[in-house]
Amino acid sequence: MIKLLKPEIFQGSLRKKKYFEGWYFKQVSADLNQVYAFIPGISLSENDPHSFIQVINGISGETHYVSYPLNQFKWEKKKLHIQVGTSVFCKDYIKLDIANADLTVKGTLHFDGITPYPASIMNPGIMGWYSFVPFMECYHGVVSVNHRLKGELTINNAQIDFNNGKGYIEKDWGTSFPSCWIWLQSNSFKNSEASLFVSVAKIPWLGKFFMGFIAFLYFNGQFFRFSTYNGSKIDKLLFHDDILQIHLAYKNYRLSVQARIKNAGTLIAPSRGSMNRRIKESIDSTVTVKLSTKKGLVVFEESSSRAGLEIIEELFRYF
């Protein structure tokens, strides 16, 4: 129960079976010319339990999966502070030391102005009261919707300046990713410190399933939340010619999102704790978002590049 109130910390145990847990750290340089995501985690599969770091270069779509022995995964109990090999991932910095035959990453990035997702005892994170529902195959947490970066990384002998860039942190844990979903995230808007997140998924539970979604738009210090658990509705969900359209409604507000997928790379996703499912993810997509009132008054309208986007097209069979 105490762990659930702090979704950013390690929720699991190395004694679990068919279990995964992973954190997602996205970095975009100030000039938007570089975008990388680093994904540390563990896979407690029956045949190959291990820890790992995945890396995706958003510009090229190049990805790497670096595996480590399970005993090289370490964590602190009361805060987000995990170590995989000699790399360290925290809420306010990452220190990377990755080296294998195809990839070397070294350097430290500090995070300033962490913007956490709102939390309370009854709603400890973005899943709201669903956080307390047992037997879900996947739980989700958002650690920081937006923060500033300070530092440089050396990646395959090239020095990359991330000073004054933007970062984002989220995580997942459970047994498996859903069979189908969409995931959209961006905080590289042209004129503001805004942050957008939308996820829709087919969610199995107790032998049945339901279509669930969680979403927010953050700007000017305010969160506008849309989700299954607060009574929001999906008015439109379409994907055609690489363009995704989503319209959400909650009380007096309407959120309209249009995203174009670009430059996807292959990441490895969990299934019953095993990292054996290949999915496509882009962190070089573009998105336009508009928040308006029911009467049509535009509250926010902007575009963003370097958006994260995953689309498992089977999802659209249900809409």
C-alpha atoms as a PDB file:
ATOM      1  CA  MET A   1       0.000   0.000   0.000  1.00  0.00           C
ATOM      2  CA  ILE A   2       2.779   2.440   0.926  1.00  0.00           C
ATOM      3  CA  LYS A   3       4.581   1.742  -2.357  1.00  0.00           C
ATOM      4  CA  LEU A   4       1.466   2.528  -4.382  1.00  0.00           C
ATOM      5  CA  LEU A   5       1.390   6.017  -2.899  1.00  0.00           C
ATOM      6  CA  LYS A   6       4.800   6.624  -4.506  1.00  0.00           C
ATOM      7  CA  PRO A   7       4.513   5.051  -7.978  1.00  0.00           C
ATOM      8  CA  GLU A   8       7.930   6.369  -9.059  1.00  0.00           C
ATOM      9  CA  ILE A   9       9.810   4.018  -6.697  1.00  0.00           C
ATOM     10  CA  PHE A  10      10.522   0.336  -7.357  1.00  0.00           C
ATOM     11  CA  GLN A  11       7.177  -1.408  -6.880  1.00  0.00           C
ATOM     12  CA  GLY A  12       8.351  -4.971  -7.253  1.00  0.00           C
ATOM     13  CA  SER A  13      10.588  -7.548  -5.645  1.00  0.00           C
ATOM     14  CA  LEU A  14      13.306  -9.702  -7.165  1.00  0.00           C
ATOM     15  CA  ARG A  15      11.387 -12.707  -5.819  1.00  0.00           C
ATOM     16  CA  LYS A  16       8.476 -12.049  -8.170  1.00  0.00           C
ATOM     17  CA  LYS A  17       7.946 -14.256 -11.222  1.00  0.00           C
ATOM     18  CA  LYS A  18       6.764 -13.230 -14.689  1.00  0.00           C
ATOM     19  CA  TYR A  19       7.184  -9.585 -13.707  1.00  0.00           C
ATOM     20  CA  PHE A  20       8.681  -6.499 -15.307  1.00  0.00           C
ATOM     21  CA  GLU A  21       9.332  -2.938 -14.249  1.00  0.00           C
ATOM     22  CA  GLY A  22      10.819  -0.131 -16.299  1.00  0.00           C
ATOM     23  CA  TRP A  23      11.394   3.627 -16.191  1.00  0.00           C
ATOM     24  CA  TYR A  24      11.406   5.920 -19.221  1.00  0.00           C
ATOM     25  CA  PHE A  25      13.712   8.963 -19.326  1.00  0.00           C
ATOM     26  CA  LYS A  26      13.340  11.149 -22.427  1.00  0.00           C
ATOM     27  CA  GLN A  27      15.756  13.968 -23.285  1.00  0.00           C
ATOM     28  CA  VAL A  28      15.407  16.601 -26.031  1.00  0.00           C
ATOM     29  CA  SER A  29      18.177  19.123 -26.720  1.00  0.00           C
ATOM     30  CA  ALA A  30      17.389  22.842 -26.672  1.00  0.00           C
ATOM     31  CA  ASP A  31      17.884  23.145 -30.442  1.00  0.00           C
ATOM     32  CA  LEU A  32      15.657  20.063 -30.985  1.00  0.00           C
ATOM     33  CA  ASN A  33      18.422  18.413 -33.030  1.00  0.00           C
ATOM     34  CA  GLN A  34      18.938  15.557 -30.556  1.00  0.00           C
ATOM     35  CA  VAL A  35      16.406  13.351 -28.802  1.00  0.00           C
ATOM     36  CA  TYR A  36      17.199  10.221 -26.809  1.00  0.00           C
ATOM     37  CA  ALA A  37      15.249   8.003 -24.459  1.00  0.00           C
ATOM     38  CA  PHE A  38      16.874   5.712 -21.890  1.00  0.00           C
ATOM     39  CA  ILE A  39      14.791   2.890 -20.419  1.00  0.00           C
ATOM     40  CA  PRO A  40      16.252   1.021 -17.434  1.00  0.00           C
ATOM     41  CA  GLY A  41      14.372  -1.925 -16.003  1.00  0.00           C
ATOM     42  CA  ILE A  42      14.139  -5.555 -14.971  1.00  0.00           C
ATOM     43  CA  SER A  43      12.655  -8.669 -16.547  1.00  0.00           C
ATOM     44  CA  LEU A  44      11.829 -11.490 -14.123  1.00  0.00           C
ATOM     45  CA  SER A  45      11.070 -14.105 -16.752  1.00  0.00           C
ATOM     46  CA  GLU A  46      11.239 -17.792 -15.912  1.00  0.00           C
ATOM     47  CA  ASN A  47      14.118 -18.577 -18.266  1.00  0.00           C
ATOM     48  CA  ASP A  48      16.146 -15.372 -18.432  1.00  0.00           C
ATOM     49  CA  PRO A  49      15.769 -13.018 -15.464  1.00  0.00           C
ATOM     50  CA  HIS A  50      17.932  -9.940 -16.033  1.00  0.00           C
ATOM     51  CA  SER A  51      18.143  -6.172 -15.850  1.00  0.00           C
ATOM     52  CA  PHE A  52      18.524  -3.948 -18.889  1.00  0.00           C
ATOM     53  CA  ILE A  53      18.868  -0.497 -20.398  1.00  0.00           C
ATOM     54  CA  GLN A  54      17.187   0.266 -23.706  1.00  0.00           C
ATOM     55  CA  VAL A  55      18.285   3.260 -25.759  1.00  0.00           C
ATOM     56  CA  ILE A  56      16.495   4.918 -28.673  1.00  0.00           C
ATOM     57  CA  ASN A  57      17.883   7.670 -30.886  1.00  0.00           C
ATOM     58  CA  GLY A  58      14.799   9.575 -31.958  1.00  0.00           C
ATOM     59  CA  ILE A  59      16.385  11.191 -35.000  1.00  0.00           C
ATOM     60  CA  SER A  60      17.699   8.003 -36.618  1.00  0.00           C
ATOM     61  CA  GLY A  61      15.357   5.464 -35.035  1.00  0.00           C
ATOM     62  CA  GLU A  62      18.388   3.401 -33.983  1.00  0.00           C
ATOM     63  CA  THR A  63      17.798   1.324 -30.841  1.00  0.00           C
ATOM     64  CA  HIS A  64      19.909  -0.757 -28.481  1.00  0.00           C
ATOM     65  CA  TYR A  65      19.027  -3.324 -25.817  1.00  0.00           C
ATOM     66  CA  VAL A  66      21.833  -3.710 -23.300  1.00  0.00           C
ATOM     67  CA  SER A  67      21.368  -6.659 -20.941  1.00  0.00           C
ATOM     68  CA  TYR A  68      22.884  -6.950 -17.451  1.00  0.00           C
ATOM     69  CA  PRO A  69      22.823  -9.704 -14.811  1.00  0.00           C
ATOM     70  CA  LEU A  70      19.940  -9.336 -12.392  1.00  0.00           C
ATOM     71  CA  ASN A  71      22.322  -8.777  -9.487  1.00  0.00           C
ATOM     72  CA  GLN A  72      23.476  -5.559 -11.176  1.00  0.00           C
ATOM     73  CA  PHE A  73      20.067  -3.990 -10.533  1.00  0.00           C
ATOM     74  CA  LYS A  74      19.982  -2.021  -7.280  1.00  0.00           C
ATOM     75  CA  TRP A  75      17.455   0.404  -5.818  1.00  0.00           C
ATOM     76  CA  GLU A  76      16.568   2.552  -2.844  1.00  0.00           C
ATOM     77  CA  LYS A  77      13.319   1.820  -1.038  1.00  0.00           C
ATOM     78  CA  LYS A  78      12.004   5.312  -0.320  1.00  0.00           C
ATOM     79  CA  LYS A  79      12.841   7.293  -3.468  1.00  0.00           C
ATOM     80  CA  LEU A  80      13.487   6.919  -7.162  1.00  0.00           C
ATOM     81  CA  HIS A  81      17.125   5.889  -7.222  1.00  0.00           C
ATOM     82  CA  ILE A  82      17.952   2.823  -9.284  1.00  0.00           C
ATOM     83  CA  GLN A  83      21.199   1.477 -10.640  1.00  0.00           C
ATOM     84  CA  VAL A  84      21.711  -0.843 -13.614  1.00  0.00           C
ATOM     85  CA  GLY A  85      25.330  -1.839 -14.016  1.00  0.00           C
ATOM     86  CA  THR A  86      27.214   1.365 -13.260  1.00  0.00           C
ATOM     87  CA  SER A  87      24.485   3.686 -14.601  1.00  0.00           C
ATOM     88  CA  VAL A  88      22.287   5.541 -12.098  1.00  0.00           C
ATOM     89  CA  PHE A  89      18.754   6.861 -12.670  1.00  0.00           C
ATOM     90  CA  CYS A  90      17.133   9.274 -10.206  1.00  0.00           C
ATOM     91  CA  LYS A  91      14.318  11.793 -10.118  1.00  0.00           C
ATOM     92  CA  ASP A  92      16.749  14.701 -10.375  1.00  0.00           C
ATOM     93  CA  TYR A  93      19.617  13.290 -12.470  1.00  0.00           C
ATOM     94  CA  ILE A  94      20.897  10.392 -14.541  1.00  0.00           C
ATOM     95  CA  LYS A  95      24.509   9.239 -14.659  1.00  0.00           C
ATOM     96  CA  LEU A  96      25.137   7.019 -17.660  1.00  0.00           C
ATOM     97  CA  ASP A  97      27.966   4.546 -18.154  1.00  0.00           C
ATOM     98  CA  ILE A  98      26.896   2.164 -20.917  1.00  0.00           C
ATOM     99  CA  ALA A  99      29.387   0.203 -22.993  1.00  0.00           C
ATOM    100  CA  ASN A 100      28.989  -2.761 -25.301  1.00  0.00           C
ATOM    101  CA  ALA A 101      30.139  -3.683 -28.805  1.00  0.00           C
ATOM    102  CA  ASP A 102      27.740  -1.279 -30.535  1.00  0.00           C
ATOM    103  CA  LEU A 103      27.149   1.532 -28.065  1.00  0.00           C
ATOM    104  CA  THR A 104      28.939   3.690 -25.532  1.00  0.00           C
ATOM    105  CA  VAL A 105      27.156   6.359 -23.501  1.00  0.00           C
ATOM    106  CA  LYS A 106      28.854   8.354 -20.769  1.00  0.00           C
ATOM    107  CA  GLY A 107      27.897  11.505 -18.902  1.00  0.00           C
ATOM    108  CA  THR A 108      25.567  13.056 -16.350  1.00  0.00           C
ATOM    109  CA  LEU A 109      22.400  15.072 -16.895  1.00  0.00           C
ATOM    110  CA  HIS A 110      20.864  17.037 -14.030  1.00  0.00           C
ATOM    111  CA  PHE A 111      17.153  17.879 -13.969  1.00  0.00           C
ATOM    112  CA  ASP A 112      15.872  21.277 -12.820  1.00  0.00           C
ATOM    113  CA  GLY A 113      12.272  22.318 -12.256  1.00  0.00           C
ATOM    114  CA  ILE A 114      10.803  18.834 -11.932  1.00  0.00           C
ATOM    115  CA  THR A 115       7.047  19.032 -12.541  1.00  0.00           C
ATOM    116  CA  PRO A 116       5.431  16.021 -10.828  1.00  0.00           C
ATOM    117  CA  TYR A 117       2.035  14.654 -11.695  1.00  0.00           C
ATOM    118  CA  PRO A 118      -0.507  15.600  -8.966  1.00  0.00           C
ATOM    119  CA  ALA A 119      -0.944  12.956  -6.284  1.00  0.00           C
ATOM    120  CA  SER A 120      -3.177  12.332  -3.280  1.00  0.00           C
ATOM    121  CA  ILE A 121      -3.958   9.359  -1.061  1.00  0.00           C
ATOM    122  CA  MET A 122      -7.018   8.428  -3.121  1.00  0.00           C
ATOM    123  CA  ASN A 123      -5.363   9.271  -6.450  1.00  0.00           C
ATOM    124  CA  PRO A 124      -1.654   8.474  -6.065  1.00  0.00           C
ATOM    125  CA  GLY A 125      -0.869   8.951  -9.745  1.00  0.00           C
ATOM    126  CA  ILE A 126      -2.125   9.132 -13.288  1.00  0.00           C
ATOM    127  CA  MET A 127      -4.129   5.901 -12.919  1.00  0.00           C
ATOM    128  CA  GLY A 128      -6.270   7.447 -10.184  1.00  0.00           C
ATOM    129  CA  TRP A 129      -8.162   4.912  -8.094  1.00  0.00           C
ATOM    130  CA  TYR A 130      -7.298   2.235 -10.677  1.00  0.00           C
ATOM    131  CA  SER A 131      -3.903   2.215  -8.952  1.00  0.00           C
ATOM    132  CA  PHE A 132      -5.523   0.139  -6.194  1.00  0.00           C
ATOM    133  CA  VAL A 133      -7.298  -2.366  -8.477  1.00  0.00           C
ATOM    134  CA  PRO A 134      -5.625  -5.795  -8.165  1.00  0.00           C
ATOM    135  CA  PHE A 135      -4.745  -8.200 -10.995  1.00  0.00           C
ATOM    136  CA  MET A 136      -4.124  -5.525 -13.623  1.00  0.00           C
ATOM    137  CA  GLU A 137      -1.474  -6.691 -16.083  1.00  0.00           C
ATOM    138  CA  CYS A 138       0.179  -3.261 -16.335  1.00  0.00           C
ATOM    139  CA  TYR A 139       0.329  -0.199 -14.088  1.00  0.00           C
ATOM    140  CA  HIS A 140       1.545   3.218 -15.213  1.00  0.00           C
ATOM    141  CA  GLY A 141       3.120   6.174 -13.442  1.00  0.00           C
ATOM    142  CA  VAL A 142       4.208   9.652 -14.532  1.00  0.00           C
ATOM    143  CA  VAL A 143       7.177  11.010 -12.590  1.00  0.00           C
ATOM    144  CA  SER A 144       7.865  14.387 -14.243  1.00  0.00           C
ATOM    145  CA  VAL A 145       5.788  15.928 -17.024  1.00  0.00           C
ATOM    146  CA  ASN A 146       8.449  18.535 -17.773  1.00  0.00           C
ATOM    147  CA  HIS A 147      11.868  19.634 -16.537  1.00  0.00           C
ATOM    148  CA  ARG A 148      14.998  21.371 -17.773  1.00  0.00           C
ATOM    149  CA  LEU A 149      18.246  19.554 -18.530  1.00  0.00           C
ATOM    150  CA  LYS A 150      21.767  20.494 -17.556  1.00  0.00           C
ATOM    151  CA  GLY A 151      24.783  18.602 -18.869  1.00  0.00           C
ATOM    152  CA  GLU A 152      26.280  16.756 -21.798  1.00  0.00           C
ATOM    153  CA  LEU A 153      26.449  13.140 -22.902  1.00  0.00           C
ATOM    154  CA  THR A 154      29.107  11.446 -24.994  1.00  0.00           C
ATOM    155  CA  ILE A 155      27.458   8.885 -27.258  1.00  0.00           C
ATOM    156  CA  ASN A 156      29.774   6.800 -29.455  1.00  0.00           C
ATOM    157  CA  ASN A 157      32.495   9.464 -29.116  1.00  0.00           C
ATOM    158  CA  ALA A 158      30.174  12.327 -30.124  1.00  0.00           C
ATOM    159  CA  GLN A 159      29.534  14.951 -27.448  1.00  0.00           C
ATOM    160  CA  ILE A 160      25.894  16.052 -27.249  1.00  0.00           C
ATOM    161  CA  ASP A 161      24.896  19.227 -25.437  1.00  0.00           C
ATOM    162  CA  PHE A 162      21.599  18.899 -23.546  1.00  0.00           C
ATOM    163  CA  ASN A 163      21.895  22.165 -21.597  1.00  0.00           C
ATOM    164  CA  ASN A 164      18.526  23.978 -21.435  1.00  0.00           C
ATOM    165  CA  GLY A 165      16.846  21.061 -23.164  1.00  0.00           C
ATOM    166  CA  LYS A 166      13.689  19.390 -21.899  1.00  0.00           C
ATOM    167  CA  GLY A 167      13.096  16.087 -20.146  1.00  0.00           C
ATOM    168  CA  TYR A 168      10.213  13.790 -19.226  1.00  0.00           C
ATOM    169  CA  ILE A 169       9.998  10.704 -16.950  1.00  0.00           C
ATOM    170  CA  GLU A 170       7.396   7.936 -16.690  1.00  0.00           C
ATOM    171  CA  LYS A 171       7.287   4.236 -15.814  1.00  0.00           C
ATOM    172  CA  ASP A 172       5.387   0.930 -16.093  1.00  0.00           C
ATOM    173  CA  TRP A 173       5.265  -2.247 -14.039  1.00  0.00           C
ATOM    174  CA  GLY A 174       3.332  -5.513 -13.953  1.00  0.00           C
ATOM    175  CA  THR A 175       3.346  -8.715 -15.985  1.00  0.00           C
ATOM    176  CA  SER A 176       2.736  -7.585 -19.594  1.00  0.00           C
ATOM    177  CA  PHE A 177       2.034  -4.609 -21.789  1.00  0.00           C
ATOM    178  CA  PRO A 178      -1.532  -4.620 -23.167  1.00  0.00           C
ATOM    179  CA  SER A 179      -2.224  -6.528 -26.372  1.00  0.00           C
ATOM    180  CA  CYS A 180      -2.860  -3.224 -28.173  1.00  0.00           C
ATOM    181  CA  TRP A 181      -2.583   0.455 -27.317  1.00  0.00           C
ATOM    182  CA  ILE A 182      -1.606   3.932 -28.397  1.00  0.00           C
ATOM    183  CA  TRP A 183       0.800   6.116 -26.428  1.00  0.00           C
ATOM    184  CA  LEU A 184       1.496   9.763 -27.173  1.00  0.00           C
ATOM    185  CA  GLN A 185       3.728  12.159 -25.248  1.00  0.00           C
ATOM    186  CA  SER A 186       5.305  15.537 -25.905  1.00  0.00           C
ATOM    187  CA  ASN A 187       6.662  18.473 -23.950  1.00  0.00           C
ATOM    188  CA  SER A 188       8.607  20.225 -26.730  1.00  0.00           C
ATOM    189  CA  PHE A 189       6.005  22.831 -27.591  1.00  0.00           C
ATOM    190  CA  LYS A 190       7.127  25.953 -29.439  1.00  0.00           C
ATOM    191  CA  ASN A 191       5.948  28.692 -27.120  1.00  0.00           C
ATOM    192  CA  SER A 192       5.316  27.210 -23.687  1.00  0.00           C
ATOM    193  CA  GLU A 193       6.287  24.722 -20.997  1.00  0.00           C
ATOM    194  CA  ALA A 194       3.256  22.613 -21.854  1.00  0.00           C
ATOM    195  CA  SER A 195       3.183  18.823 -21.641  1.00  0.00           C
ATOM    196  CA  LEU A 196       0.796  16.368 -23.288  1.00  0.00           C
ATOM    197  CA  PHE A 197       0.162  12.691 -22.581  1.00  0.00           C
ATOM    198  CA  VAL A 198      -2.474  10.365 -24.061  1.00  0.00           C
ATOM    199  CA  SER A 199      -2.751   6.591 -23.759  1.00  0.00           C
ATOM    200  CA  VAL A 200      -5.587   4.308 -24.861  1.00  0.00           C
ATOM    201  CA  ALA A 201      -5.419   0.548 -24.329  1.00  0.00           C
ATOM    202  CA  LYS A 202      -7.328  -2.707 -24.340  1.00  0.00           C
ATOM    203  CA  ILE A 203      -7.179  -3.729 -20.687  1.00  0.00           C
ATOM    204  CA  PRO A 204      -7.825  -7.339 -19.644  1.00  0.00           C
ATOM    205  CA  TRP A 205      -9.229  -7.929 -16.178  1.00  0.00           C
ATOM    206  CA  LEU A 206     -10.647 -11.076 -14.554  1.00  0.00           C
ATOM    207  CA  GLY A 207     -11.210 -12.870 -17.849  1.00  0.00           C
ATOM    208  CA  LYS A 208     -12.816  -9.921 -19.612  1.00  0.00           C
ATOM    209  CA  PHE A 209     -11.522  -6.633 -21.008  1.00  0.00           C
ATOM    210  CA  PHE A 210     -12.414  -2.970 -21.284  1.00  0.00           C
ATOM    211  CA  MET A 211     -11.086  -0.041 -23.312  1.00  0.00           C
ATOM    212  CA  GLY A 212      -9.413   2.403 -20.957  1.00  0.00           C
ATOM    213  CA  PHE A 213      -7.624   5.689 -21.411  1.00  0.00           C
ATOM    214  CA  ILE A 214      -5.643   8.252 -19.436  1.00  0.00           C
ATOM    215  CA  ALA A 215      -4.622  11.688 -20.701  1.00  0.00           C
ATOM    216  CA  PHE A 216      -3.593  15.134 -19.560  1.00  0.00           C
ATOM    217  CA  LEU A 217      -2.580  18.516 -20.906  1.00  0.00           C
ATOM    218  CA  TYR A 218      -0.430  20.618 -18.590  1.00  0.00           C
ATOM    219  CA  PHE A 219       0.233  24.324 -19.095  1.00  0.00           C
ATOM    220  CA  ASN A 220       0.445  27.495 -17.002  1.00  0.00           C
ATOM    221  CA  GLY A 221       0.718  25.394 -13.856  1.00  0.00           C
ATOM    222  CA  GLN A 222      -2.598  23.613 -14.403  1.00  0.00           C
ATOM    223  CA  PHE A 223      -3.464  20.014 -15.292  1.00  0.00           C
ATOM    224  CA  PHE A 224      -6.449  19.265 -17.513  1.00  0.00           C
ATOM    225  CA  ARG A 225      -7.186  15.554 -17.013  1.00  0.00           C
ATOM    226  CA  PHE A 226      -9.174  13.177 -19.173  1.00  0.00           C
ATOM    227  CA  SER A 227      -9.573   9.517 -18.221  1.00  0.00           C
ATOM    228  CA  THR A 228     -11.884   6.555 -18.007  1.00  0.00           C
ATOM    229  CA  TYR A 229     -12.011   6.818 -14.213  1.00  0.00           C
ATOM    230  CA  ASN A 230     -13.150  10.475 -14.124  1.00  0.00           C
ATOM    231  CA  GLY A 231     -15.968   9.976 -16.618  1.00  0.00           C
ATOM    232  CA  SER A 232     -14.289  11.431 -19.711  1.00  0.00           C
ATOM    233  CA  LYS A 233     -15.292  10.196 -23.158  1.00  0.00           C
ATOM    234  CA  ILE A 234     -13.510   9.429 -26.423  1.00  0.00           C
ATOM    235  CA  ASP A 235     -15.428  11.273 -29.143  1.00  0.00           C
ATOM    236  CA  LYS A 236     -13.059  10.371 -31.985  1.00  0.00           C
ATOM    237  CA  LEU A 237     -10.152   7.972 -32.506  1.00  0.00           C
ATOM    238  CA  LEU A 238      -8.815   7.474 -36.042  1.00  0.00           C
ATOM    239  CA  PHE A 239      -5.518   6.475 -37.673  1.00  0.00           C
ATOM    240  CA  HIS A 240      -5.038   6.917 -41.420  1.00  0.00           C
ATOM    241  CA  ASP A 241      -2.035   7.731 -43.644  1.00  0.00           C
ATOM    242  CA  ASP A 242       0.294   7.952 -40.621  1.00  0.00           C
ATOM    243  CA  ILE A 243      -1.959  10.539 -38.938  1.00  0.00           C
ATOM    244  CA  LEU A 244      -3.580   9.868 -35.559  1.00  0.00           C
ATOM    245  CA  GLN A 245      -6.637  11.890 -34.501  1.00  0.00           C
ATOM    246  CA  ILE A 246      -8.027  11.848 -30.961  1.00  0.00           C
ATOM    247  CA  HIS A 247     -10.888  13.897 -29.525  1.00  0.00           C
ATOM    248  CA  LEU A 248     -11.584  13.663 -25.776  1.00  0.00           C
ATOM    249  CA  ALA A 249     -14.324  15.291 -23.700  1.00  0.00           C
ATOM    250  CA  TYR A 250     -14.632  15.958 -19.971  1.00  0.00           C
ATOM    251  CA  LYS A 251     -17.365  18.198 -18.545  1.00  0.00           C
ATOM    252  CA  ASN A 252     -16.781  21.664 -20.037  1.00  0.00           C
ATOM    253  CA  TYR A 253     -13.538  20.834 -21.882  1.00  0.00           C
ATOM    254  CA  ARG A 254     -12.671  19.289 -25.244  1.00  0.00           C
ATOM    255  CA  LEU A 255      -9.175  18.079 -26.135  1.00  0.00           C
ATOM    256  CA  SER A 256      -8.338  17.614 -29.817  1.00  0.00           C
ATOM    257  CA  VAL A 257      -5.040  15.995 -30.809  1.00  0.00           C
ATOM    258  CA  GLN A 258      -3.556  15.283 -34.227  1.00  0.00           C
ATOM    259  CA  ALA A 259      -0.192  13.526 -34.509  1.00  0.00           C
ATOM    260  CA  ARG A 260       1.913  12.353 -37.451  1.00  0.00           C
ATOM    261  CA  ILE A 261       4.232   9.413 -36.830  1.00  0.00           C
ATOM    262  CA  LYS A 262       7.831   9.632 -38.057  1.00  0.00           C
ATOM    263  CA  ASN A 263      11.137   7.736 -37.730  1.00  0.00           C
ATOM    264  CA  ALA A 264      10.132   4.780 -35.569  1.00  0.00           C
ATOM    265  CA  GLY A 265      12.633   2.416 -33.988  1.00  0.00           C
ATOM    266  CA  THR A 266      12.175  -1.079 -32.560  1.00  0.00           C
ATOM    267  CA  LEU A 267      11.924  -1.448 -28.788  1.00  0.00           C
ATOM    268  CA  ILE A 268      11.483  -4.623 -26.746  1.00  0.00           C
ATOM    269  CA  ALA A 269       8.321  -4.857 -24.641  1.00  0.00           C
ATOM    270  CA  PRO A 270       7.310  -7.275 -21.854  1.00  0.00           C
ATOM    271  CA  SER A 271       4.978 -10.257 -22.113  1.00  0.00           C
ATOM    272  CA  ARG A 272       4.475 -12.283 -18.924  1.00  0.00           C
ATOM    273  CA  GLY A 273       7.680 -10.790 -17.613  1.00  0.00           C
ATOM    274  CA  SER A 274       9.752 -11.762 -20.645  1.00  0.00           C
ATOM    275  CA  MET A 275      11.220  -9.062 -22.855  1.00  0.00           C
ATOM    276  CA  ASN A 276      10.365 -10.766 -26.117  1.00  0.00           C
ATOM    277  CA  ARG A 277       7.848  -8.556 -27.919  1.00  0.00           C
ATOM    278  CA  ARG A 278       9.005  -6.106 -30.576  1.00  0.00           C
ATOM    279  CA  ILE A 279       7.139  -2.821 -30.940  1.00  0.00           C
ATOM    280  CA  LYS A 280       7.696   0.370 -32.904  1.00  0.00           C
ATOM    281  CA  GLU A 281       8.196   3.684 -31.145  1.00  0.00           C
ATOM    282  CA  SER A 282       8.857   7.123 -32.576  1.00  0.00           C
ATOM    283  CA  ILE A 283      10.193  10.013 -30.515  1.00  0.00           C
ATOM    284  CA  ASP A 284      10.430  12.207 -33.599  1.00  0.00           C
ATOM    285  CA  SER A 285       6.729  12.623 -34.346  1.00  0.00           C
ATOM    286  CA  THR A 286       4.800  15.892 -34.610  1.00  0.00           C
ATOM    287  CA  VAL A 287       1.629  16.798 -32.743  1.00  0.00           C
ATOM    288  CA  THR A 288      -0.900  19.627 -32.711  1.00  0.00           C
ATOM    289  CA  VAL A 289      -3.155  19.973 -29.673  1.00  0.00           C
ATOM    290  CA  LYS A 290      -6.133  22.208 -28.976  1.00  0.00           C
ATOM    291  CA  LEU A 291      -7.985  22.563 -25.694  1.00  0.00           C
ATOM    292  CA  SER A 292     -11.315  24.348 -25.927  1.00  0.00           C
ATOM    293  CA  THR A 293     -14.482  24.768 -23.936  1.00  0.00           C
ATOM    294  CA  LYS A 294     -17.751  23.103 -24.816  1.00  0.00           C
ATOM    295  CA  LYS A 295     -18.860  26.403 -26.377  1.00  0.00           C
ATOM    296  CA  GLY A 296     -15.763  26.571 -28.590  1.00  0.00           C
ATOM    297  CA  LEU A 297     -13.568  29.038 -26.688  1.00  0.00           C
ATOM    298  CA  VAL A 298      -9.941  28.069 -27.377  1.00  0.00           C
ATOM    299  CA  VAL A 299      -7.953  27.791 -24.140  1.00  0.00           C
ATOM    300  CA  PHE A 300      -4.715  26.393 -25.608  1.00  0.00           C
ATOM    301  CA  GLU A 301      -3.507  25.606 -29.130  1.00  0.00           C
ATOM    302  CA  GLU A 302       0.075  24.741 -30.064  1.00  0.00           C
ATOM    303  CA  SER A 303       2.236  22.331 -32.023  1.00  0.00           C
ATOM    304  CA  SER A 304       5.191  20.255 -30.893  1.00  0.00           C
ATOM    305  CA  SER A 305       7.947  18.276 -32.530  1.00  0.00           C
ATOM    306  CA  ARG A 306       9.932  15.382 -31.050  1.00  0.00           C
ATOM    307  CA  ALA A 307       6.770  13.735 -29.770  1.00  0.00           C
ATOM    308  CA  GLY A 308       6.753  10.141 -28.547  1.00  0.00           C
ATOM    309  CA  LEU A 309       4.258   7.900 -30.341  1.00  0.00           C
ATOM    310  CA  GLU A 310       3.464   4.183 -30.258  1.00  0.00           C
ATOM    311  CA  ILE A 311       0.542   2.769 -32.226  1.00  0.00           C
ATOM    312  CA  ILE A 312      -0.556  -0.876 -32.142  1.00  0.00           C
ATOM    313  CA  GLU A 313      -3.142  -0.788 -34.910  1.00  0.00           C
ATOM    314  CA  GLU A 314      -5.234  -3.682 -33.598  1.00  0.00           C
ATOM    315  CA  LEU A 315      -6.650  -1.144 -31.131  1.00  0.00           C
ATOM    316  CA  PHE A 316      -8.759   0.522 -33.823  1.00  0.00           C
ATOM    317  CA  ARG A 317     -10.845  -2.630 -34.253  1.00  0.00           C
ATOM    318  CA  TYR A 318     -12.626  -1.607 -31.043  1.00  0.00           C
ATOM    319  CA  PHE A 319     -13.549   1.939 -32.127  1.00  0.00           C
END
